[in-house]
Amino acid sequence: MKPSRSEFLDLPDVRLHIRRWGDPDAPMLFLLHGWMDVSASFQFVVDELARDWNIVAPDWRGFGQSEWLSRPYFFAEHIGDLEAIVDRYAPAGKVRLVGHSMGGILSCLYAGIRPERVDRVVSLEGFGIAPTTPEMAPERYQQWLGALRKPPRMHAYADRMAFARRLLHSDRFLTAERAEFLAKHLARVGDGENRAGLRHHGIIWNGDPWHKAPAPYLFRLEESMAIWKQITCPVLWVAGRQSWVIRDFGQRPGDWEARRACFANVREEWVDQADHMLHHDQPAEVARIVEAFIG
C-alpha cells in the first residue's frame, strides 16, 4: 500500500485531520469522503492511480481523526471547511475535486459557489439527496427535538472482526481483505449501545454520533439545482451499476435527468459490479476513470 502521512489544520472552531499521499511537487488532487466514512478509505483507489499525485484528503469535522464536537452538525459547515482546506493547500489556481457521496455533493456545491476556484469535479455517487416537501417540516422538527432530548449513540460491536463482518454483509462486492483494512480505520473503541438500546463499550463507527441526528431544516433540491447551474468546469458523474442510490432514482422518474440538466458540462461513467461504496468495490476502475477525466 502507498504510505500516507497525517497533518492537522486548526480552524477557529475545529481541528481537521488531513491525510496526504504522494509527492508534494506532483499535481494536486483533493479526495473528499462521504458520510460515516474517513479519508483512509480512499487507500484502495490511491494504490491504483497510475500517476503520482499530491493528494489532500481531509476527515470532515466529526469523522475519523478530526475533532468531534459532540453537538449537532450542519451541512454548510462542511462547505466552510472545504474552503478553508482549499485556502490552505491551493491558495492560487484552480483545484481538482474528487468526492464520494457527501463528498461529491459538497464538491459540486463548492464548484457552483466558487466556480473560479475549481478546475474539474468527479462526483462518485454524490448526486444530491432525495427531494423533500414543506409538509415534511413538522415531523423533521419533532425528530430534531427528540435528538436534543436523547442524543444519538452508535451501535457497539464486539470486536473489529464483527465490524468487518457488518461491512461485508452490507456490501456484496467488498472483499474480506478490504473489509479488514476498513475495520481499522472506520471503527474505534468507544461507548455505544447494544441491540437492546443499552449502553455498551466496544467497537463503534469512527464518527461522532451527533452526525446521526436529523437536521432541523429540510434539504431543498431547488437550492442545489440553482447552485449547480453556476458551475463552469467539466463535471463527471460516476455511478455504481448495482447501487442503492440508482435504485432510488428509479423510483423517481425524471429526477436524474432534471438534476443532470443543471450542469452545463457533465458526463456519466458507470462502474459494473459496484454498489454505493464503489471506491471500495472496484478501486482499479474508479482510479482509471478519475485519471482519464482529470488528466
C-alpha atoms as a PDB file:
ATOM      1  CA  MET A   1       0.000   0.000   0.000  1.00  0.00           C
ATOM      2  CA  LYS A   2       1.162   3.531  -0.751  1.00  0.00           C
ATOM      3  CA  PRO A   3       2.071   5.242   2.526  1.00  0.00           C
ATOM      4  CA  SER A   4       0.125   8.225   3.802  1.00  0.00           C
ATOM      5  CA  ARG A   5       1.021  10.877   6.354  1.00  0.00           C
ATOM      6  CA  SER A   6      -1.091  12.989   8.673  1.00  0.00           C
ATOM      7  CA  GLU A   7      -1.330  16.747   9.102  1.00  0.00           C
ATOM      8  CA  PHE A   8      -3.752  18.921  11.047  1.00  0.00           C
ATOM      9  CA  LEU A   9      -5.467  22.147  10.107  1.00  0.00           C
ATOM     10  CA  ASP A  10      -6.623  24.317  13.008  1.00  0.00           C
ATOM     11  CA  LEU A  11      -9.727  26.388  12.264  1.00  0.00           C
ATOM     12  CA  PRO A  12     -11.450  28.754  14.718  1.00  0.00           C
ATOM     13  CA  ASP A  13     -13.945  26.117  15.875  1.00  0.00           C
ATOM     14  CA  VAL A  14     -12.468  22.741  14.922  1.00  0.00           C
ATOM     15  CA  ARG A  15      -9.247  20.843  14.265  1.00  0.00           C
ATOM     16  CA  LEU A  16      -9.270  18.905  10.992  1.00  0.00           C
ATOM     17  CA  HIS A  17      -7.147  15.883  10.181  1.00  0.00           C
ATOM     18  CA  ILE A  18      -5.679  15.960   6.664  1.00  0.00           C
ATOM     19  CA  ARG A  19      -4.343  12.755   5.123  1.00  0.00           C
ATOM     20  CA  ARG A  20      -1.650  13.197   2.471  1.00  0.00           C
ATOM     21  CA  TRP A  21      -0.381  10.809  -0.169  1.00  0.00           C
ATOM     22  CA  GLY A  22       2.235  11.260  -2.867  1.00  0.00           C
ATOM     23  CA  ASP A  23       4.906  13.721  -3.933  1.00  0.00           C
ATOM     24  CA  PRO A  24       4.292  17.298  -2.681  1.00  0.00           C
ATOM     25  CA  ASP A  25       5.629  18.551  -6.026  1.00  0.00           C
ATOM     26  CA  ALA A  26       3.185  16.466  -8.089  1.00  0.00           C
ATOM     27  CA  PRO A  27      -0.155  17.839  -9.369  1.00  0.00           C
ATOM     28  CA  MET A  28      -2.621  18.316  -6.509  1.00  0.00           C
ATOM     29  CA  LEU A  29      -5.759  16.245  -6.145  1.00  0.00           C
ATOM     30  CA  PHE A  30      -8.382  16.540  -3.415  1.00  0.00           C
ATOM     31  CA  LEU A  31     -10.189  13.375  -2.292  1.00  0.00           C
ATOM     32  CA  LEU A  32     -13.323  14.041  -0.230  1.00  0.00           C
ATOM     33  CA  HIS A  33     -15.005  11.198   1.656  1.00  0.00           C
ATOM     34  CA  GLY A  34     -18.690  10.661   2.343  1.00  0.00           C
ATOM     35  CA  TRP A  35     -20.925  10.451   5.396  1.00  0.00           C
ATOM     36  CA  MET A  36     -19.763   7.978   8.040  1.00  0.00           C
ATOM     37  CA  ASP A  37     -16.578   7.395   6.089  1.00  0.00           C
ATOM     38  CA  VAL A  38     -12.981   8.559   6.542  1.00  0.00           C
ATOM     39  CA  SER A  39     -10.145   9.694   4.304  1.00  0.00           C
ATOM     40  CA  ALA A  40      -8.270   6.403   4.721  1.00  0.00           C
ATOM     41  CA  SER A  41     -10.928   4.525   2.754  1.00  0.00           C
ATOM     42  CA  PHE A  42      -9.544   6.082  -0.436  1.00  0.00           C
ATOM     43  CA  GLN A  43      -6.426   3.925   0.083  1.00  0.00           C
ATOM     44  CA  PHE A  44      -7.584   1.321  -2.453  1.00  0.00           C
ATOM     45  CA  VAL A  45      -8.099   3.942  -5.163  1.00  0.00           C
ATOM     46  CA  VAL A  46      -4.816   5.693  -4.342  1.00  0.00           C
ATOM     47  CA  ASP A  47      -2.986   2.383  -4.729  1.00  0.00           C
ATOM     48  CA  GLU A  48      -4.411   2.020  -8.245  1.00  0.00           C
ATOM     49  CA  LEU A  49      -3.573   5.502  -9.536  1.00  0.00           C
ATOM     50  CA  ALA A  50      -1.075   5.278 -12.384  1.00  0.00           C
ATOM     51  CA  ARG A  51       0.358   8.783 -11.954  1.00  0.00           C
ATOM     52  CA  ASP A  52       1.884  10.370  -8.912  1.00  0.00           C
ATOM     53  CA  TRP A  53      -0.402  12.915  -7.283  1.00  0.00           C
ATOM     54  CA  ASN A  54      -0.077  15.309  -4.384  1.00  0.00           C
ATOM     55  CA  ILE A  55      -3.220  14.122  -2.608  1.00  0.00           C
ATOM     56  CA  VAL A  56      -5.061  16.090   0.060  1.00  0.00           C
ATOM     57  CA  ALA A  57      -7.792  14.070   1.786  1.00  0.00           C
ATOM     58  CA  PRO A  58      -9.478  15.536   4.873  1.00  0.00           C
ATOM     59  CA  ASP A  59     -11.507  13.821   7.520  1.00  0.00           C
ATOM     60  CA  TRP A  60     -14.598  16.029   7.717  1.00  0.00           C
ATOM     61  CA  ARG A  61     -15.339  17.546  11.115  1.00  0.00           C
ATOM     62  CA  GLY A  62     -16.649  14.902  13.459  1.00  0.00           C
ATOM     63  CA  PHE A  63     -15.205  11.998  11.456  1.00  0.00           C
ATOM     64  CA  GLY A  64     -12.029   9.950  11.792  1.00  0.00           C
ATOM     65  CA  GLN A  65      -9.141  11.799  13.365  1.00  0.00           C
ATOM     66  CA  SER A  66     -10.726  15.235  13.005  1.00  0.00           C
ATOM     67  CA  GLU A  67     -12.148  16.794  16.145  1.00  0.00           C
ATOM     68  CA  TRP A  68     -15.517  15.545  17.358  1.00  0.00           C
ATOM     69  CA  LEU A  69     -17.626  18.448  18.596  1.00  0.00           C
ATOM     70  CA  SER A  70     -20.253  16.395  20.493  1.00  0.00           C
ATOM     71  CA  ARG A  71     -23.073  18.600  19.293  1.00  0.00           C
ATOM     72  CA  PRO A  72     -25.288  18.853  16.190  1.00  0.00           C
ATOM     73  CA  TYR A  73     -23.547  19.402  12.849  1.00  0.00           C
ATOM     74  CA  PHE A  74     -24.836  21.445   9.935  1.00  0.00           C
ATOM     75  CA  PHE A  75     -24.117  20.670   6.297  1.00  0.00           C
ATOM     76  CA  ALA A  76     -22.984  24.193   5.475  1.00  0.00           C
ATOM     77  CA  GLU A  77     -20.149  23.830   7.989  1.00  0.00           C
ATOM     78  CA  HIS A  78     -18.514  21.308   5.667  1.00  0.00           C
ATOM     79  CA  ILE A  79     -18.616  23.818   2.812  1.00  0.00           C
ATOM     80  CA  GLY A  80     -16.821  26.302   5.050  1.00  0.00           C
ATOM     81  CA  ASP A  81     -14.266  23.652   5.985  1.00  0.00           C
ATOM     82  CA  LEU A  82     -13.696  22.826   2.309  1.00  0.00           C
ATOM     83  CA  GLU A  83     -12.967  26.450   1.515  1.00  0.00           C
ATOM     84  CA  ALA A  84     -10.524  26.625   4.430  1.00  0.00           C
ATOM     85  CA  ILE A  85      -8.783  23.468   3.167  1.00  0.00           C
ATOM     86  CA  VAL A  86      -8.540  24.876  -0.366  1.00  0.00           C
ATOM     87  CA  ASP A  87      -7.227  28.181   1.025  1.00  0.00           C
ATOM     88  CA  ARG A  88      -4.543  26.293   2.949  1.00  0.00           C
ATOM     89  CA  TYR A  89      -3.352  23.874   0.282  1.00  0.00           C
ATOM     90  CA  ALA A  90      -4.187  25.607  -3.006  1.00  0.00           C
ATOM     91  CA  PRO A  91      -4.458  29.368  -2.390  1.00  0.00           C
ATOM     92  CA  ALA A  92      -3.753  30.117  -6.056  1.00  0.00           C
ATOM     93  CA  GLY A  93      -5.108  28.484  -9.191  1.00  0.00           C
ATOM     94  CA  LYS A  94      -7.940  26.020  -9.632  1.00  0.00           C
ATOM     95  CA  VAL A  95      -8.394  22.696  -7.856  1.00  0.00           C
ATOM     96  CA  ARG A  96      -9.407  19.173  -8.897  1.00  0.00           C
ATOM     97  CA  LEU A  97     -12.063  17.734  -6.602  1.00  0.00           C
ATOM     98  CA  VAL A  98     -12.978  14.052  -6.365  1.00  0.00           C
ATOM     99  CA  GLY A  99     -15.700  13.342  -3.840  1.00  0.00           C
ATOM    100  CA  HIS A 100     -17.702  10.286  -2.836  1.00  0.00           C
ATOM    101  CA  SER A 101     -21.355  10.565  -1.771  1.00  0.00           C
ATOM    102  CA  MET A 102     -21.495  13.525   0.646  1.00  0.00           C
ATOM    103  CA  GLY A 103     -18.026  14.482  -0.579  1.00  0.00           C
ATOM    104  CA  GLY A 104     -19.322  14.517  -4.147  1.00  0.00           C
ATOM    105  CA  ILE A 105     -22.322  16.617  -3.157  1.00  0.00           C
ATOM    106  CA  LEU A 106     -20.008  19.090  -1.431  1.00  0.00           C
ATOM    107  CA  SER A 107     -17.680  19.163  -4.448  1.00  0.00           C
ATOM    108  CA  CYS A 108     -20.500  20.086  -6.822  1.00  0.00           C
ATOM    109  CA  LEU A 109     -21.893  22.717  -4.489  1.00  0.00           C
ATOM    110  CA  TYR A 110     -18.474  24.284  -3.990  1.00  0.00           C
ATOM    111  CA  ALA A 111     -17.886  24.315  -7.756  1.00  0.00           C
ATOM    112  CA  GLY A 112     -21.081  26.333  -8.166  1.00  0.00           C
ATOM    113  CA  ILE A 113     -20.449  28.658  -5.226  1.00  0.00           C
ATOM    114  CA  ARG A 114     -16.801  29.276  -6.160  1.00  0.00           C
ATOM    115  CA  PRO A 115     -16.629  28.455  -9.887  1.00  0.00           C
ATOM    116  CA  GLU A 116     -13.436  30.464 -10.298  1.00  0.00           C
ATOM    117  CA  ARG A 117     -11.606  28.095  -7.921  1.00  0.00           C
ATOM    118  CA  VAL A 118     -12.493  24.700  -9.416  1.00  0.00           C
ATOM    119  CA  ASP A 119     -10.943  23.113 -12.498  1.00  0.00           C
ATOM    120  CA  ARG A 120     -12.750  19.762 -12.587  1.00  0.00           C
ATOM    121  CA  VAL A 121     -15.094  17.718 -10.402  1.00  0.00           C
ATOM    122  CA  VAL A 122     -15.563  13.963 -10.183  1.00  0.00           C
ATOM    123  CA  SER A 123     -18.626  13.030  -8.147  1.00  0.00           C
ATOM    124  CA  LEU A 124     -18.682   9.379  -7.126  1.00  0.00           C
ATOM    125  CA  GLU A 125     -22.279   8.571  -6.232  1.00  0.00           C
ATOM    126  CA  GLY A 126     -22.857  12.135  -4.999  1.00  0.00           C
ATOM    127  CA  PHE A 127     -25.893  13.394  -6.908  1.00  0.00           C
ATOM    128  CA  GLY A 128     -27.810  15.167  -4.141  1.00  0.00           C
ATOM    129  CA  ILE A 129     -30.189  13.523  -1.672  1.00  0.00           C
ATOM    130  CA  ALA A 130     -33.876  12.761  -2.127  1.00  0.00           C
ATOM    131  CA  PRO A 131     -36.151  15.790  -2.543  1.00  0.00           C
ATOM    132  CA  THR A 132     -38.396  16.975   0.269  1.00  0.00           C
ATOM    133  CA  THR A 133     -41.700  18.837   0.543  1.00  0.00           C
ATOM    134  CA  PRO A 134     -42.739  21.519   3.051  1.00  0.00           C
ATOM    135  CA  GLU A 135     -45.252  19.085   4.529  1.00  0.00           C
ATOM    136  CA  MET A 136     -42.318  17.119   5.950  1.00  0.00           C
ATOM    137  CA  ALA A 137     -41.209  20.029   8.142  1.00  0.00           C
ATOM    138  CA  PRO A 138     -43.297  19.333  11.296  1.00  0.00           C
ATOM    139  CA  GLU A 139     -42.052  15.748  11.571  1.00  0.00           C
ATOM    140  CA  ARG A 140     -38.478  16.821  10.901  1.00  0.00           C
ATOM    141  CA  TYR A 141     -38.557  19.365  13.736  1.00  0.00           C
ATOM    142  CA  GLN A 142     -40.088  16.735  16.007  1.00  0.00           C
ATOM    143  CA  GLN A 143     -37.207  14.391  15.175  1.00  0.00           C
ATOM    144  CA  TRP A 144     -34.726  17.204  15.818  1.00  0.00           C
ATOM    145  CA  LEU A 145     -36.191  17.942  19.241  1.00  0.00           C
ATOM    146  CA  GLY A 146     -36.177  14.244  20.039  1.00  0.00           C
ATOM    147  CA  ALA A 147     -32.461  14.027  19.260  1.00  0.00           C
ATOM    148  CA  LEU A 148     -31.734  17.006  21.506  1.00  0.00           C
ATOM    149  CA  ARG A 149     -33.596  15.286  24.316  1.00  0.00           C
ATOM    150  CA  LYS A 150     -31.975  11.895  23.713  1.00  0.00           C
ATOM    151  CA  PRO A 151     -28.610  12.266  21.950  1.00  0.00           C
ATOM    152  CA  PRO A 152     -27.849   9.556  19.385  1.00  0.00           C
ATOM    153  CA  ARG A 153     -25.413   6.727  20.063  1.00  0.00           C
ATOM    154  CA  MET A 154     -23.553   4.314  17.798  1.00  0.00           C
ATOM    155  CA  HIS A 155     -24.064   0.569  17.807  1.00  0.00           C
ATOM    156  CA  ALA A 156     -21.219  -1.151  19.646  1.00  0.00           C
ATOM    157  CA  TYR A 157     -19.709  -4.262  18.067  1.00  0.00           C
ATOM    158  CA  ALA A 158     -17.888  -6.968  19.997  1.00  0.00           C
ATOM    159  CA  ASP A 159     -14.610  -6.527  18.109  1.00  0.00           C
ATOM    160  CA  ARG A 160     -13.183  -5.312  14.804  1.00  0.00           C
ATOM    161  CA  MET A 161     -13.841  -8.655  13.131  1.00  0.00           C
ATOM    162  CA  ALA A 162     -17.541  -8.262  13.951  1.00  0.00           C
ATOM    163  CA  PHE A 163     -17.381  -4.781  12.473  1.00  0.00           C
ATOM    164  CA  ALA A 164     -15.723  -6.171   9.333  1.00  0.00           C
ATOM    165  CA  ARG A 165     -18.493  -8.769   9.031  1.00  0.00           C
ATOM    166  CA  ARG A 166     -21.019  -5.931   9.180  1.00  0.00           C
ATOM    167  CA  LEU A 167     -19.254  -4.235   6.247  1.00  0.00           C
ATOM    168  CA  LEU A 168     -19.232  -7.467   4.257  1.00  0.00           C
ATOM    169  CA  HIS A 169     -22.913  -8.048   4.966  1.00  0.00           C
ATOM    170  CA  SER A 170     -23.898  -4.626   3.615  1.00  0.00           C
ATOM    171  CA  ASP A 171     -21.668  -4.707   0.511  1.00  0.00           C
ATOM    172  CA  ARG A 172     -21.632  -7.905  -1.555  1.00  0.00           C
ATOM    173  CA  PHE A 173     -18.756  -6.651  -3.704  1.00  0.00           C
ATOM    174  CA  LEU A 174     -16.392  -5.916  -0.822  1.00  0.00           C
ATOM    175  CA  THR A 175     -13.544  -8.377  -0.264  1.00  0.00           C
ATOM    176  CA  ALA A 176     -12.643  -9.738   3.151  1.00  0.00           C
ATOM    177  CA  GLU A 177      -9.158  -8.251   2.885  1.00  0.00           C
ATOM    178  CA  ARG A 178     -10.513  -4.761   2.235  1.00  0.00           C
ATOM    179  CA  ALA A 179     -13.099  -5.133   4.993  1.00  0.00           C
ATOM    180  CA  GLU A 180     -10.327  -5.977   7.452  1.00  0.00           C
ATOM    181  CA  PHE A 181      -8.403  -2.844   6.420  1.00  0.00           C
ATOM    182  CA  LEU A 182     -11.506  -0.661   6.674  1.00  0.00           C
ATOM    183  CA  ALA A 183     -12.317  -2.005  10.130  1.00  0.00           C
ATOM    184  CA  LYS A 184      -9.034  -0.496  11.343  1.00  0.00           C
ATOM    185  CA  HIS A 185      -9.987   2.988  10.115  1.00  0.00           C
ATOM    186  CA  LEU A 186     -13.786   3.141  10.026  1.00  0.00           C
ATOM    187  CA  ALA A 187     -14.061   1.978  13.625  1.00  0.00           C
ATOM    188  CA  ARG A 188     -12.698   2.920  17.022  1.00  0.00           C
ATOM    189  CA  VAL A 189     -13.048   1.799  20.635  1.00  0.00           C
ATOM    190  CA  GLY A 190     -15.782   3.701  22.448  1.00  0.00           C
ATOM    191  CA  ASP A 191     -19.159   3.730  24.164  1.00  0.00           C
ATOM    192  CA  GLY A 192     -22.212   2.851  22.131  1.00  0.00           C
ATOM    193  CA  GLU A 193     -25.282   0.730  22.621  1.00  0.00           C
ATOM    194  CA  ASN A 194     -26.255  -2.888  22.058  1.00  0.00           C
ATOM    195  CA  ARG A 195     -29.269  -4.183  20.157  1.00  0.00           C
ATOM    196  CA  ALA A 196     -31.402  -3.671  23.261  1.00  0.00           C
ATOM    197  CA  GLY A 197     -30.522   0.014  23.308  1.00  0.00           C
ATOM    198  CA  LEU A 198     -28.421  -0.302  26.449  1.00  0.00           C
ATOM    199  CA  ARG A 199     -25.096   1.487  26.821  1.00  0.00           C
ATOM    200  CA  HIS A 200     -22.248  -0.805  25.833  1.00  0.00           C
ATOM    201  CA  HIS A 201     -18.477  -0.404  25.457  1.00  0.00           C
ATOM    202  CA  GLY A 202     -16.998  -1.873  22.307  1.00  0.00           C
ATOM    203  CA  ILE A 203     -16.114  -1.069  18.689  1.00  0.00           C
ATOM    204  CA  ILE A 204     -18.115   1.797  17.191  1.00  0.00           C
ATOM    205  CA  TRP A 205     -18.143   3.727  13.910  1.00  0.00           C
ATOM    206  CA  ASN A 206     -15.364   6.307  13.710  1.00  0.00           C
ATOM    207  CA  GLY A 207     -17.756   9.230  13.560  1.00  0.00           C
ATOM    208  CA  ASP A 208     -19.389  11.489  16.114  1.00  0.00           C
ATOM    209  CA  PRO A 209     -22.844  10.021  16.929  1.00  0.00           C
ATOM    210  CA  TRP A 210     -24.278  13.519  16.537  1.00  0.00           C
ATOM    211  CA  HIS A 211     -23.906  13.067  12.770  1.00  0.00           C
ATOM    212  CA  LYS A 212     -26.857  10.676  13.076  1.00  0.00           C
ATOM    213  CA  ALA A 213     -29.125  13.433  14.379  1.00  0.00           C
ATOM    214  CA  PRO A 214     -31.539  14.774  11.745  1.00  0.00           C
ATOM    215  CA  ALA A 215     -31.051  18.397  10.756  1.00  0.00           C
ATOM    216  CA  PRO A 216     -33.991  20.636  11.693  1.00  0.00           C
ATOM    217  CA  TYR A 217     -34.185  22.042   8.171  1.00  0.00           C
ATOM    218  CA  LEU A 218     -35.176  20.137   5.045  1.00  0.00           C
ATOM    219  CA  PHE A 219     -32.939  19.512   2.047  1.00  0.00           C
ATOM    220  CA  ARG A 220     -34.122  21.853  -0.689  1.00  0.00           C
ATOM    221  CA  LEU A 221     -33.329  20.410  -4.085  1.00  0.00           C
ATOM    222  CA  GLU A 222     -34.165  23.695  -5.803  1.00  0.00           C
ATOM    223  CA  GLU A 223     -31.321  25.450  -3.988  1.00  0.00           C
ATOM    224  CA  SER A 224     -28.799  22.818  -5.069  1.00  0.00           C
ATOM    225  CA  MET A 225     -30.047  22.984  -8.642  1.00  0.00           C
ATOM    226  CA  ALA A 226     -29.600  26.754  -8.670  1.00  0.00           C
ATOM    227  CA  ILE A 227     -26.017  26.331  -7.475  1.00  0.00           C
ATOM    228  CA  TRP A 228     -25.251  23.565  -9.986  1.00  0.00           C
ATOM    229  CA  LYS A 229     -26.288  25.920 -12.781  1.00  0.00           C
ATOM    230  CA  GLN A 230     -23.419  28.230 -11.803  1.00  0.00           C
ATOM    231  CA  ILE A 231     -20.738  25.551 -12.369  1.00  0.00           C
ATOM    232  CA  THR A 232     -18.420  26.377 -15.256  1.00  0.00           C
ATOM    233  CA  CYS A 233     -15.962  23.467 -15.078  1.00  0.00           C
ATOM    234  CA  PRO A 234     -16.362  19.944 -16.510  1.00  0.00           C
ATOM    235  CA  VAL A 235     -18.108  17.522 -14.144  1.00  0.00           C
ATOM    236  CA  LEU A 236     -18.089  13.739 -14.192  1.00  0.00           C
ATOM    237  CA  TRP A 237     -20.811  11.690 -12.504  1.00  0.00           C
ATOM    238  CA  VAL A 238     -19.673   8.157 -11.629  1.00  0.00           C
ATOM    239  CA  ALA A 239     -22.305   5.649 -10.541  1.00  0.00           C
ATOM    240  CA  GLY A 240     -22.226   2.070  -9.347  1.00  0.00           C
ATOM    241  CA  ARG A 241     -24.357  -0.084 -11.625  1.00  0.00           C
ATOM    242  CA  GLN A 242     -25.784  -2.009  -8.634  1.00  0.00           C
ATOM    243  CA  SER A 243     -26.008   0.975  -6.259  1.00  0.00           C
ATOM    244  CA  TRP A 244     -28.989   1.518  -3.997  1.00  0.00           C
ATOM    245  CA  VAL A 245     -28.740   5.217  -4.916  1.00  0.00           C
ATOM    246  CA  ILE A 246     -29.501   4.367  -8.540  1.00  0.00           C
ATOM    247  CA  ARG A 247     -32.408   2.164  -7.458  1.00  0.00           C
ATOM    248  CA  ASP A 248     -33.771   5.135  -5.512  1.00  0.00           C
ATOM    249  CA  PHE A 249     -33.597   7.353  -8.578  1.00  0.00           C
ATOM    250  CA  GLY A 250     -35.511   4.648 -10.445  1.00  0.00           C
ATOM    251  CA  GLN A 251     -38.412   5.291  -8.074  1.00  0.00           C
ATOM    252  CA  ARG A 252     -38.481   8.966  -9.050  1.00  0.00           C
ATOM    253  CA  PRO A 253     -38.929   9.157 -12.843  1.00  0.00           C
ATOM    254  CA  GLY A 254     -37.284  12.219 -14.362  1.00  0.00           C
ATOM    255  CA  ASP A 255     -35.341  13.207 -11.246  1.00  0.00           C
ATOM    256  CA  TRP A 256     -31.954  12.017 -12.533  1.00  0.00           C
ATOM    257  CA  GLU A 257     -32.469  13.805 -15.845  1.00  0.00           C
ATOM    258  CA  ALA A 258     -33.625  17.035 -14.187  1.00  0.00           C
ATOM    259  CA  ARG A 259     -30.559  17.171 -11.967  1.00  0.00           C
ATOM    260  CA  ARG A 260     -28.193  16.331 -14.794  1.00  0.00           C
ATOM    261  CA  ALA A 261     -29.692  19.102 -16.928  1.00  0.00           C
ATOM    262  CA  CYS A 262     -28.498  21.686 -14.375  1.00  0.00           C
ATOM    263  CA  PHE A 263     -24.867  21.057 -15.328  1.00  0.00           C
ATOM    264  CA  ALA A 264     -23.536  22.854 -18.397  1.00  0.00           C
ATOM    265  CA  ASN A 265     -20.757  20.311 -18.967  1.00  0.00           C
ATOM    266  CA  VAL A 266     -21.368  16.896 -17.425  1.00  0.00           C
ATOM    267  CA  ARG A 267     -20.591  13.308 -18.399  1.00  0.00           C
ATOM    268  CA  GLU A 268     -21.547   9.969 -16.893  1.00  0.00           C
ATOM    269  CA  GLU A 269     -19.495   6.847 -16.261  1.00  0.00           C
ATOM    270  CA  TRP A 270     -20.873   3.598 -14.854  1.00  0.00           C
ATOM    271  CA  VAL A 271     -18.969   1.007 -12.832  1.00  0.00           C
ATOM    272  CA  ASP A 272     -20.133  -2.601 -13.012  1.00  0.00           C
ATOM    273  CA  GLN A 273     -20.141  -4.895 -10.003  1.00  0.00           C
ATOM    274  CA  ALA A 274     -20.264  -1.922  -7.644  1.00  0.00           C
ATOM    275  CA  ASP A 275     -22.720  -0.666  -5.051  1.00  0.00           C
ATOM    276  CA  HIS A 276     -22.718   2.785  -3.435  1.00  0.00           C
ATOM    277  CA  MET A 277     -19.210   2.296  -1.995  1.00  0.00           C
ATOM    278  CA  LEU A 278     -17.759   1.851  -5.468  1.00  0.00           C
ATOM    279  CA  HIS A 279     -14.314   3.114  -4.368  1.00  0.00           C
ATOM    280  CA  HIS A 280     -14.185   0.053  -2.092  1.00  0.00           C
ATOM    281  CA  ASP A 281     -15.774  -2.331  -4.589  1.00  0.00           C
ATOM    282  CA  GLN A 282     -13.895  -1.545  -7.814  1.00  0.00           C
ATOM    283  CA  PRO A 283     -10.980   0.769  -6.941  1.00  0.00           C
ATOM    284  CA  ALA A 284      -8.953  -0.002 -10.073  1.00  0.00           C
ATOM    285  CA  GLU A 285     -11.814   1.002 -12.367  1.00  0.00           C
ATOM    286  CA  VAL A 286     -12.570   4.097 -10.283  1.00  0.00           C
ATOM    287  CA  ALA A 287      -8.905   5.130 -10.433  1.00  0.00           C
ATOM    288  CA  ARG A 288      -8.835   4.626 -14.202  1.00  0.00           C
ATOM    289  CA  ILE A 289     -11.976   6.723 -14.690  1.00  0.00           C
ATOM    290  CA  VAL A 290     -10.725   9.509 -12.411  1.00  0.00           C
ATOM    291  CA  GLU A 291      -7.337   9.823 -14.088  1.00  0.00           C
ATOM    292  CA  ALA A 292      -8.808   9.672 -17.589  1.00  0.00           C
ATOM    293  CA  PHE A 293     -11.062  12.602 -16.719  1.00  0.00           C
ATOM    294  CA  ILE A 294      -8.811  14.859 -14.670  1.00  0.00           C
ATOM    295  CA  GLY A 295      -5.760  14.385 -16.904  1.00  0.00           C
END
